[in-house]
Amino acid sequence: MINDPLYPPCSGKKLIVVNVDKAGNLQVVITFPYGGSASTVNLYSPAVPGINNIPWDGKDGLGNPVPDGTLINVSVTFLNGLTNLPIWTRKEIQMDTSYPSSGRPILLPRYL
């Protein structure tokens, strides 16, 4: 978080700054020490190479302002090159795949 006149320390609004070297997606997880469903805020943002600014409204998971002086934990995950790997069960593979047999190949007659 940075000092910015548009985001003063007690305004509730904060700006999380992340620097990356290639395009991708950012996930920011902010956790608070007071537990329950209000203890986590998840922010998602596309990322471009360079500096990325992610605004946070200063509220907890229930929309309540986080009290001044509260210690928070901020975790940033950068995702790049998302890949979809299909997963099959053994039964699906056996049903959808033909396996070669161990028999001799069929010889077709030749026409002259």
C-alpha atoms as a PDB file:
ATOM      1  CA  MET A   1       0.000   0.000   0.000  1.00  0.00           C
ATOM      2  CA  ILE A   2       1.296   3.433  -0.824  1.00  0.00           C
ATOM      3  CA  ASN A   3       0.970   6.977   0.398  1.00  0.00           C
ATOM      4  CA  ASP A   4      -1.225   8.761  -2.106  1.00  0.00           C
ATOM      5  CA  PRO A   5      -3.199  11.987  -1.551  1.00  0.00           C
ATOM      6  CA  LEU A   6      -6.222  10.321  -3.149  1.00  0.00           C
ATOM      7  CA  TYR A   7      -5.937   7.474  -0.607  1.00  0.00           C
ATOM      8  CA  PRO A   8      -5.087   9.061   2.780  1.00  0.00           C
ATOM      9  CA  PRO A   9      -4.292   6.735   5.741  1.00  0.00           C
ATOM     10  CA  CYS A  10      -7.642   7.137   7.525  1.00  0.00           C
ATOM     11  CA  SER A  11      -9.929   7.427   4.502  1.00  0.00           C
ATOM     12  CA  GLY A  12     -10.921   3.774   4.332  1.00  0.00           C
ATOM     13  CA  LYS A  13      -9.806   3.660   0.705  1.00  0.00           C
ATOM     14  CA  LYS A  14      -6.496   1.935   0.024  1.00  0.00           C
ATOM     15  CA  LEU A  15      -4.458   1.264  -3.095  1.00  0.00           C
ATOM     16  CA  ILE A  16      -2.504  -2.001  -3.415  1.00  0.00           C
ATOM     17  CA  VAL A  17       0.371  -1.724  -5.879  1.00  0.00           C
ATOM     18  CA  VAL A  18       1.754  -4.816  -7.644  1.00  0.00           C
ATOM     19  CA  ASN A  19       4.577  -4.850 -10.207  1.00  0.00           C
ATOM     20  CA  VAL A  20       4.681  -7.789 -12.669  1.00  0.00           C
ATOM     21  CA  ASP A  21       6.796  -8.518 -15.736  1.00  0.00           C
ATOM     22  CA  LYS A  22       4.062  -9.994 -17.991  1.00  0.00           C
ATOM     23  CA  ALA A  23       0.306 -10.021 -18.453  1.00  0.00           C
ATOM     24  CA  GLY A  24      -1.828 -12.295 -16.290  1.00  0.00           C
ATOM     25  CA  ASN A  25      -4.321 -12.176 -13.441  1.00  0.00           C
ATOM     26  CA  LEU A  26      -3.907 -11.015  -9.850  1.00  0.00           C
ATOM     27  CA  GLN A  27      -5.695 -12.347  -6.800  1.00  0.00           C
ATOM     28  CA  VAL A  28      -5.346 -10.312  -3.623  1.00  0.00           C
ATOM     29  CA  VAL A  29      -6.501 -11.880  -0.356  1.00  0.00           C
ATOM     30  CA  ILE A  30      -6.790  -9.537   2.630  1.00  0.00           C
ATOM     31  CA  THR A  31      -7.335 -11.199   6.009  1.00  0.00           C
ATOM     32  CA  PHE A  32      -8.181  -9.598   9.347  1.00  0.00           C
ATOM     33  CA  PRO A  33      -7.516 -10.881  12.873  1.00  0.00           C
ATOM     34  CA  TYR A  34     -11.111 -10.829  14.090  1.00  0.00           C
ATOM     35  CA  GLY A  35     -12.270 -14.097  12.410  1.00  0.00           C
ATOM     36  CA  GLY A  36     -15.648 -15.152  11.074  1.00  0.00           C
ATOM     37  CA  SER A  37     -16.944 -14.503   7.565  1.00  0.00           C
ATOM     38  CA  ALA A  38     -15.812 -10.874   7.846  1.00  0.00           C
ATOM     39  CA  SER A  39     -12.163 -11.904   8.155  1.00  0.00           C
ATOM     40  CA  THR A  40     -11.386 -12.238   4.439  1.00  0.00           C
ATOM     41  CA  VAL A  41     -11.705 -10.041   1.358  1.00  0.00           C
ATOM     42  CA  ASN A  42     -10.810 -11.365  -2.109  1.00  0.00           C
ATOM     43  CA  LEU A  43      -9.952  -8.956  -4.917  1.00  0.00           C
ATOM     44  CA  TYR A  44      -9.372 -10.023  -8.522  1.00  0.00           C
ATOM     45  CA  SER A  45      -7.828  -7.944 -11.283  1.00  0.00           C
ATOM     46  CA  PRO A  46      -6.290  -8.451 -14.713  1.00  0.00           C
ATOM     47  CA  ALA A  47      -2.596  -7.536 -14.727  1.00  0.00           C
ATOM     48  CA  VAL A  48      -0.538  -5.794 -17.383  1.00  0.00           C
ATOM     49  CA  PRO A  49       3.264  -5.711 -17.523  1.00  0.00           C
ATOM     50  CA  GLY A  50       4.530  -3.052 -15.117  1.00  0.00           C
ATOM     51  CA  ILE A  51       2.798  -1.416 -12.174  1.00  0.00           C
ATOM     52  CA  ASN A  52      -0.794  -2.406 -11.418  1.00  0.00           C
ATOM     53  CA  ASN A  53      -2.965  -0.485  -8.926  1.00  0.00           C
ATOM     54  CA  ILE A  54      -5.714  -2.435  -7.185  1.00  0.00           C
ATOM     55  CA  PRO A  55      -8.152  -0.314  -5.180  1.00  0.00           C
ATOM     56  CA  TRP A  56      -9.630  -1.607  -1.924  1.00  0.00           C
ATOM     57  CA  ASP A  57     -12.514   0.231  -0.228  1.00  0.00           C
ATOM     58  CA  GLY A  58     -11.172  -0.461   3.296  1.00  0.00           C
ATOM     59  CA  LYS A  59     -14.111  -2.681   4.256  1.00  0.00           C
ATOM     60  CA  ASP A  60     -14.109  -6.218   5.621  1.00  0.00           C
ATOM     61  CA  GLY A  61     -15.920  -9.236   4.156  1.00  0.00           C
ATOM     62  CA  LEU A  62     -19.287  -8.017   5.521  1.00  0.00           C
ATOM     63  CA  GLY A  63     -18.923  -4.469   4.184  1.00  0.00           C
ATOM     64  CA  ASN A  64     -18.005  -2.879   7.542  1.00  0.00           C
ATOM     65  CA  PRO A  65     -15.153  -0.361   7.687  1.00  0.00           C
ATOM     66  CA  VAL A  66     -11.965  -1.893   9.098  1.00  0.00           C
ATOM     67  CA  PRO A  67     -11.024   0.013  12.300  1.00  0.00           C
ATOM     68  CA  ASP A  68      -7.933   2.225  12.177  1.00  0.00           C
ATOM     69  CA  GLY A  69      -4.842   0.475  13.492  1.00  0.00           C
ATOM     70  CA  THR A  70      -6.060  -3.023  12.618  1.00  0.00           C
ATOM     71  CA  LEU A  71      -3.206  -5.248  11.488  1.00  0.00           C
ATOM     72  CA  ILE A  72      -4.052  -6.946   8.211  1.00  0.00           C
ATOM     73  CA  ASN A  73      -2.376  -9.638   6.152  1.00  0.00           C
ATOM     74  CA  VAL A  74      -2.222  -9.087   2.371  1.00  0.00           C
ATOM     75  CA  SER A  75      -1.387 -11.987   0.076  1.00  0.00           C
ATOM     76  CA  VAL A  76      -0.968 -11.500  -3.693  1.00  0.00           C
ATOM     77  CA  THR A  77      -1.060 -14.369  -6.190  1.00  0.00           C
ATOM     78  CA  PHE A  78      -0.053 -13.792  -9.817  1.00  0.00           C
ATOM     79  CA  LEU A  79      -1.511 -16.224 -12.352  1.00  0.00           C
ATOM     80  CA  ASN A  80      -0.039 -16.403 -15.827  1.00  0.00           C
ATOM     81  CA  GLY A  81      -0.599 -18.892 -18.627  1.00  0.00           C
ATOM     82  CA  LEU A  82      -3.729 -20.575 -17.327  1.00  0.00           C
ATOM     83  CA  THR A  83      -4.037 -24.130 -18.631  1.00  0.00           C
ATOM     84  CA  ASN A  84      -7.069 -26.356 -18.685  1.00  0.00           C
ATOM     85  CA  LEU A  85      -6.039 -29.972 -18.121  1.00  0.00           C
ATOM     86  CA  PRO A  86      -8.861 -32.435 -18.764  1.00  0.00           C
ATOM     87  CA  ILE A  87      -9.193 -35.141 -16.147  1.00  0.00           C
ATOM     88  CA  TRP A  88     -10.765 -38.499 -16.910  1.00  0.00           C
ATOM     89  CA  THR A  89     -11.483 -41.486 -14.775  1.00  0.00           C
ATOM     90  CA  ARG A  90     -10.142 -44.880 -15.840  1.00  0.00           C
ATOM     91  CA  LYS A  91     -13.671 -45.988 -16.793  1.00  0.00           C
ATOM     92  CA  GLU A  92     -14.088 -43.043 -19.184  1.00  0.00           C
ATOM     93  CA  ILE A  93     -10.757 -43.780 -20.840  1.00  0.00           C
ATOM     94  CA  GLN A  94     -11.665 -47.435 -21.434  1.00  0.00           C
ATOM     95  CA  MET A  95     -15.036 -46.527 -22.918  1.00  0.00           C
ATOM     96  CA  ASP A  96     -13.788 -43.763 -25.220  1.00  0.00           C
ATOM     97  CA  THR A  97     -10.482 -45.220 -26.422  1.00  0.00           C
ATOM     98  CA  SER A  98      -9.900 -48.132 -28.762  1.00  0.00           C
ATOM     99  CA  TYR A  99      -6.831 -50.200 -28.009  1.00  0.00           C
ATOM    100  CA  PRO A 100      -4.869 -52.071 -30.686  1.00  0.00           C
ATOM    101  CA  SER A 101      -5.305 -55.828 -30.763  1.00  0.00           C
ATOM    102  CA  SER A 102      -2.465 -58.297 -30.762  1.00  0.00           C
ATOM    103  CA  GLY A 103      -3.786 -60.179 -33.852  1.00  0.00           C
ATOM    104  CA  ARG A 104      -2.239 -60.214 -37.318  1.00  0.00           C
ATOM    105  CA  PRO A 105      -3.158 -57.402 -39.703  1.00  0.00           C
ATOM    106  CA  ILE A 106      -5.826 -58.147 -42.281  1.00  0.00           C
ATOM    107  CA  LEU A 107      -4.384 -58.556 -45.772  1.00  0.00           C
ATOM    108  CA  LEU A 108      -6.545 -57.239 -48.585  1.00  0.00           C
ATOM    109  CA  PRO A 109      -6.389 -58.956 -51.956  1.00  0.00           C
ATOM    110  CA  ARG A 110      -4.426 -57.176 -54.664  1.00  0.00           C
ATOM    111  CA  TYR A 111      -6.026 -56.525 -58.007  1.00  0.00           C
ATOM    112  CA  LEU A 112      -3.801 -56.534 -61.077  1.00  0.00           C
END
